[in-house]
């Protein structure tokens, strides 16, 4: 009996050590539950110095990935784990991005400055981009004037927050209540993704980024009846309906000699 007890204790210690080691490699998901003005949200904060943000649209064979859980689960090395994924903006019936789309430094879809109907054309719309270890959200016109050469960029609309102010049309856009997803930047290294777990207005969603998350610039990504946020470590499921462009966030394992 004593030998069996010692064996069980050793097994328990081994399993605990393995769990700790796995946690140290994969790291916790950078997401948390947030309540703001009575509505529930899931918020994920990403440091671009420790995380790699990538865009995905088509597989090597040319077919759309379509589902968040179809994205690669690791990046350059097996230890570079996918920690979260979400939609990256609007797309047409063929799953092609409606606006600017830059993947791995290559512009695959040009910026869309046309007028039209729908959320994308509720101008000003904007662009989320990452260049090296710096990220930003800019109104489309401002982005094009800067002639940036980003690693990734995706255009969507409307802007939620512009230079510390809510989109001017949100005063008259409170009738529609839907679950919504968006991205903002607190500073050049901190990207904040948020998705509403309740139905909210554009104004309420913009207020989340401006007042609670302290993002002076934020961009609406998409909305609808089902939120699209995939977090493997939290068992948060993928999308029910096919998507076009998608964002994948990978946590890079700490290399020897780095902090």
Protein backbone atom coordinates (compact mmCIF):
# COMPACT_ATOMS: atom_id res chain seq x y z
CA UNK A 1 0.00 0.00 0.00
CA UNK A 2 2.85 2.39 0.91
CA UNK A 3 4.57 1.69 -2.41
CA UNK A 4 1.34 2.30 -4.28
CA UNK A 5 0.81 5.59 -2.41
CA UNK A 6 4.34 6.72 -3.23
CA UNK A 7 3.83 5.77 -6.89
CA UNK A 8 0.60 7.73 -7.09
CA UNK A 9 2.29 10.73 -5.46
CA UNK A 10 5.15 10.58 -7.96
CA UNK A 11 2.67 10.33 -10.83
CA UNK A 12 0.72 13.34 -9.53
CA UNK A 13 3.94 15.36 -9.25
CA UNK A 14 4.94 14.37 -12.78
CA UNK A 15 1.57 15.38 -14.22
CA UNK A 16 1.71 18.69 -12.37
CA UNK A 17 5.20 19.35 -13.70
CA UNK A 18 4.10 18.57 -17.24
CA UNK A 19 1.14 20.92 -16.88
CA UNK A 20 3.37 23.72 -15.60
CA UNK A 21 5.86 23.13 -18.42
CA UNK A 22 3.11 23.17 -21.04
CA UNK A 23 1.69 26.39 -19.58
CA UNK A 24 5.14 27.99 -19.67
CA UNK A 25 5.49 27.14 -23.37
CA UNK A 26 2.00 28.00 -24.56
CA UNK A 27 1.27 30.82 -22.14
CA UNK A 28 -2.19 31.93 -21.07
CA UNK A 29 -4.62 33.42 -23.54
CA UNK A 30 -4.37 37.24 -23.38
CA UNK A 31 -8.15 37.50 -22.97
CA UNK A 32 -10.48 38.47 -20.16
CA UNK A 33 -14.14 39.16 -19.53
CA UNK A 34 -15.09 42.84 -19.25
CA UNK A 35 -18.38 44.51 -18.34
CA UNK A 36 -18.92 48.08 -19.50
CA UNK A 37 -22.10 50.10 -19.13
CA UNK A 38 -24.02 46.93 -18.35
CA UNK A 39 -22.88 44.93 -21.40
CA UNK A 40 -20.53 41.94 -21.47
CA UNK A 41 -17.44 41.76 -23.66
CA UNK A 42 -14.41 39.56 -24.21
CA UNK A 43 -11.24 41.62 -24.54
CA UNK A 44 -7.85 40.34 -25.71
CA UNK A 45 -4.74 42.52 -25.33
CA UNK A 46 -1.74 41.72 -27.51
CA UNK A 47 1.83 43.03 -27.24
CA UNK A 48 3.31 43.04 -30.75
CA UNK A 49 6.79 42.63 -29.26
CA UNK A 50 5.79 39.25 -27.82
CA UNK A 51 3.07 38.19 -30.25
CA UNK A 52 3.04 37.77 -33.99
CA UNK A 53 -0.13 39.01 -35.71
CA UNK A 54 -0.83 37.48 -39.10
CA UNK A 55 -3.59 37.68 -41.69
CA UNK A 56 -5.04 34.62 -43.41
CA UNK A 57 -7.38 34.38 -46.36
CA UNK A 58 -6.46 31.53 -48.71
CA UNK A 59 -4.66 28.24 -48.25
CA UNK A 60 -1.67 27.43 -50.51
CA UNK A 61 -4.10 25.66 -52.88
CA UNK A 62 -6.11 28.89 -53.30
CA UNK A 63 -9.20 27.87 -51.32
CA UNK A 64 -10.33 30.11 -48.45
CA UNK A 65 -9.51 28.99 -44.92
CA UNK A 66 -13.13 29.89 -44.10
CA UNK A 67 -12.97 28.73 -40.46
CA UNK A 68 -10.91 30.09 -37.61
CA UNK A 69 -10.02 26.63 -36.32
CA UNK A 70 -8.61 25.78 -39.76
CA UNK A 71 -5.76 28.26 -39.31
CA UNK A 72 -2.25 26.97 -38.57
CA UNK A 73 -1.92 26.18 -34.88
CA UNK A 74 1.74 27.22 -34.86
CA UNK A 75 3.81 29.77 -36.77
CA UNK A 76 7.56 29.51 -37.45
CA UNK A 77 8.19 26.87 -34.78
CA UNK A 78 5.93 24.37 -32.99
CA UNK A 79 6.35 26.41 -29.81
CA UNK A 80 4.91 29.53 -31.46
CA UNK A 81 1.31 28.70 -30.56
CA UNK A 82 -1.89 30.21 -31.90
CA UNK A 83 -3.50 31.95 -28.92
CA UNK A 84 -6.49 33.57 -30.60
CA UNK A 85 -8.10 34.20 -33.96
CA UNK A 86 -10.92 36.43 -35.16
CA UNK A 87 -12.39 37.85 -38.34
CA UNK A 88 -10.37 40.52 -40.12
CA UNK A 89 -13.05 42.62 -41.76
CA UNK A 90 -15.71 42.39 -44.41
CA UNK A 91 -15.78 40.24 -47.53
CA UNK A 92 -17.91 39.57 -50.60
CA UNK A 93 -19.88 36.38 -51.42
CA UNK A 94 -16.67 34.80 -52.80
CA UNK A 95 -14.95 35.51 -49.42
CA UNK A 96 -12.70 38.14 -50.99
CA UNK A 97 -11.88 41.13 -48.73
CA UNK A 98 -13.97 44.19 -49.61
CA UNK A 99 -11.12 46.62 -48.94
CA UNK A 100 -7.34 46.79 -48.60
CA UNK A 101 -5.73 43.49 -47.74
CA UNK A 102 -1.98 43.07 -47.22
CA UNK A 103 -0.63 39.67 -46.21
CA UNK A 104 3.08 39.03 -45.54
CA UNK A 105 3.95 42.37 -47.09
CA UNK A 106 2.03 41.66 -50.32
CA UNK A 107 -0.97 43.79 -51.30
CA UNK A 108 -3.55 41.29 -52.55
CA UNK A 109 -6.55 43.67 -52.60
CA UNK A 110 -6.35 47.42 -53.15
CA UNK A 111 -7.83 50.03 -50.82
CA UNK A 112 -11.51 50.74 -51.37
CA UNK A 113 -12.39 54.45 -51.32
CA UNK A 114 -15.73 54.17 -53.11
CA UNK A 115 -19.03 55.25 -51.62
CA UNK A 116 -21.80 52.76 -51.01
CA UNK A 117 -24.20 51.31 -48.48
CA UNK A 118 -23.59 49.27 -45.37
CA UNK A 119 -21.22 49.47 -42.43
CA UNK A 120 -18.05 49.39 -44.53
CA UNK A 121 -19.08 52.61 -46.28
CA UNK A 122 -20.14 54.45 -43.12
CA UNK A 123 -17.24 56.83 -43.62
CA UNK A 124 -14.75 57.40 -42.31
CA UNK A 125 -13.75 53.78 -42.45
CA UNK A 126 -10.23 52.69 -41.63
CA UNK A 127 -7.30 50.31 -41.74
CA UNK A 128 -5.62 48.18 -39.09
CA UNK A 129 -1.97 47.48 -39.86
CA UNK A 130 1.24 46.11 -38.37
CA UNK A 131 4.74 47.08 -39.47
CA UNK A 132 7.54 45.30 -37.63
CA UNK A 133 6.88 45.71 -33.92
CA UNK A 134 4.49 48.64 -34.35
CA UNK A 135 0.74 48.57 -34.95
CA UNK A 136 -1.80 51.21 -35.80
CA UNK A 137 -5.37 52.04 -36.78
CA UNK A 138 -5.86 54.92 -39.19
CA UNK A 139 -8.73 56.46 -41.09
CA UNK A 140 -8.39 55.28 -44.70
CA UNK A 141 -7.46 58.65 -46.16
CA UNK A 142 -4.81 59.27 -43.51
CA UNK A 143 -3.37 55.80 -44.06
CA UNK A 144 -3.07 56.28 -47.83
CA UNK A 145 -1.35 59.65 -47.40
CA UNK A 146 1.38 58.07 -45.27
CA UNK A 147 2.27 55.57 -48.03
CA UNK A 148 3.12 52.88 -45.49
CA UNK A 149 4.60 49.50 -46.40
CA UNK A 150 3.04 47.26 -43.74
CA UNK A 151 3.60 43.58 -43.04
CA UNK A 152 -0.18 43.17 -42.74
CA UNK A 153 -3.14 45.49 -43.26
CA UNK A 154 -6.89 45.07 -43.43
CA UNK A 155 -9.55 47.66 -44.22
CA UNK A 156 -12.98 47.70 -42.61
CA UNK A 157 -15.57 50.16 -41.47
CA UNK A 158 -16.73 52.19 -39.84
CA UNK A 159 -14.04 53.61 -37.62
CA UNK A 160 -15.18 53.39 -34.00
CA UNK A 161 -12.81 55.93 -32.48
CA UNK A 162 -10.83 58.55 -34.43
CA UNK A 163 -8.09 60.53 -32.68
CA UNK A 164 -9.82 60.16 -29.32
CA UNK A 165 -13.36 60.88 -30.53
CA UNK A 166 -16.28 58.66 -31.42
CA UNK A 167 -17.29 58.35 -35.06
CA UNK A 168 -19.49 61.41 -35.72
CA UNK A 169 -22.40 59.39 -37.10
CA UNK A 170 -22.82 57.21 -34.00
CA UNK A 171 -25.18 59.73 -32.42
CA UNK A 172 -27.72 58.63 -35.03
CA UNK A 173 -26.66 54.96 -35.18
CA UNK A 174 -28.00 53.56 -31.92
CA UNK A 175 -31.06 51.77 -33.27
CA UNK A 176 -29.18 48.68 -34.43
CA UNK A 177 -28.15 46.34 -31.60
CA UNK A 178 -25.86 43.47 -32.59
CA UNK A 179 -22.90 41.50 -31.36
CA UNK A 180 -19.83 43.27 -32.69
CA UNK A 181 -16.07 42.77 -33.01
CA UNK A 182 -13.35 45.38 -33.37
CA UNK A 183 -9.69 46.25 -32.91
CA UNK A 184 -8.00 49.24 -31.33
CA UNK A 185 -4.52 50.41 -30.41
CA UNK A 186 -3.60 51.78 -26.99
CA UNK A 187 -0.09 52.58 -28.19
CA UNK A 188 2.20 51.41 -30.98
CA UNK A 189 2.91 48.11 -29.21
CA UNK A 190 -0.48 47.30 -27.66
CA UNK A 191 -3.31 45.98 -29.83
CA UNK A 192 -6.72 45.40 -28.24
CA UNK A 193 -9.28 43.07 -29.78
CA UNK A 194 -12.82 43.12 -28.38
CA UNK A 195 -16.00 41.26 -29.10
CA UNK A 196 -19.37 41.89 -27.51
CA UNK A 197 -21.09 38.97 -25.86
CA UNK A 198 -24.32 41.02 -25.76
CA UNK A 199 -26.07 42.97 -28.48
CA UNK A 200 -24.75 46.55 -28.40
CA UNK A 201 -24.96 49.74 -30.46
CA UNK A 202 -22.07 51.24 -32.37
CA UNK A 203 -21.91 54.04 -29.83
CA UNK A 204 -21.68 51.64 -26.88
CA UNK A 205 -19.01 49.61 -28.65
CA UNK A 206 -17.02 52.74 -29.44
CA UNK A 207 -17.33 53.85 -25.82
CA UNK A 208 -15.82 50.55 -24.70
CA UNK A 209 -12.67 51.24 -26.70
CA UNK A 210 -12.47 54.92 -25.82
CA UNK A 211 -13.47 55.01 -22.15
CA UNK A 212 -12.62 51.56 -20.81
CA UNK A 213 -9.82 50.27 -23.04
CA UNK A 214 -8.17 53.68 -23.54
CA UNK A 215 -7.77 53.33 -27.31
CA UNK A 216 -7.65 56.64 -29.18
CA UNK A 217 -8.18 54.83 -32.48
CA UNK A 218 -10.35 51.77 -33.05
CA UNK A 219 -11.95 50.03 -36.01
CA UNK A 220 -15.10 47.96 -36.38
CA UNK A 221 -14.39 44.55 -37.91
CA UNK A 222 -17.77 42.86 -38.22
CA UNK A 223 -21.05 42.13 -36.52
CA UNK A 224 -23.96 39.75 -36.50
CA UNK A 225 -25.80 37.21 -34.44
CA UNK A 226 -22.76 35.02 -33.70
CA UNK A 227 -19.44 36.42 -32.44
CA UNK A 228 -16.28 35.18 -34.12
CA UNK A 229 -13.53 34.65 -31.59
CA UNK A 230 -11.47 31.48 -31.40
CA UNK A 231 -9.34 30.94 -28.28
CA UNK A 232 -8.04 27.34 -28.15
CA UNK A 233 -6.86 27.43 -24.53
CA UNK A 234 -10.26 28.67 -23.33
CA UNK A 235 -12.21 26.17 -25.44
CA UNK A 236 -13.88 29.12 -27.12
CA UNK A 237 -15.23 27.74 -30.36
CA UNK A 238 -14.79 28.81 -33.93
CA UNK A 239 -17.26 30.38 -36.35
CA UNK A 240 -20.45 28.69 -37.49
CA UNK A 241 -20.44 30.43 -40.88
CA UNK A 242 -17.57 30.73 -43.35
CA UNK A 243 -15.37 33.83 -43.20
CA UNK A 244 -13.10 35.66 -45.62
CA UNK A 245 -10.00 37.35 -44.14
CA UNK A 246 -9.01 36.30 -40.60
CA UNK A 247 -6.53 37.44 -37.98
CA UNK A 248 -4.33 34.94 -36.14
CA UNK A 249 -2.31 35.90 -33.07
CA UNK A 250 0.62 33.70 -32.12
CA UNK A 251 2.56 33.87 -28.86
CA UNK A 252 6.23 33.45 -29.53
CA UNK A 253 8.03 31.23 -27.02
CA UNK A 254 10.75 33.00 -25.04
CA UNK A 255 14.14 32.43 -26.62
CA UNK A 256 17.30 31.92 -24.55
CA UNK A 257 18.76 35.28 -23.62
CA UNK A 258 15.50 37.18 -24.14
CA UNK A 259 13.04 38.61 -21.61
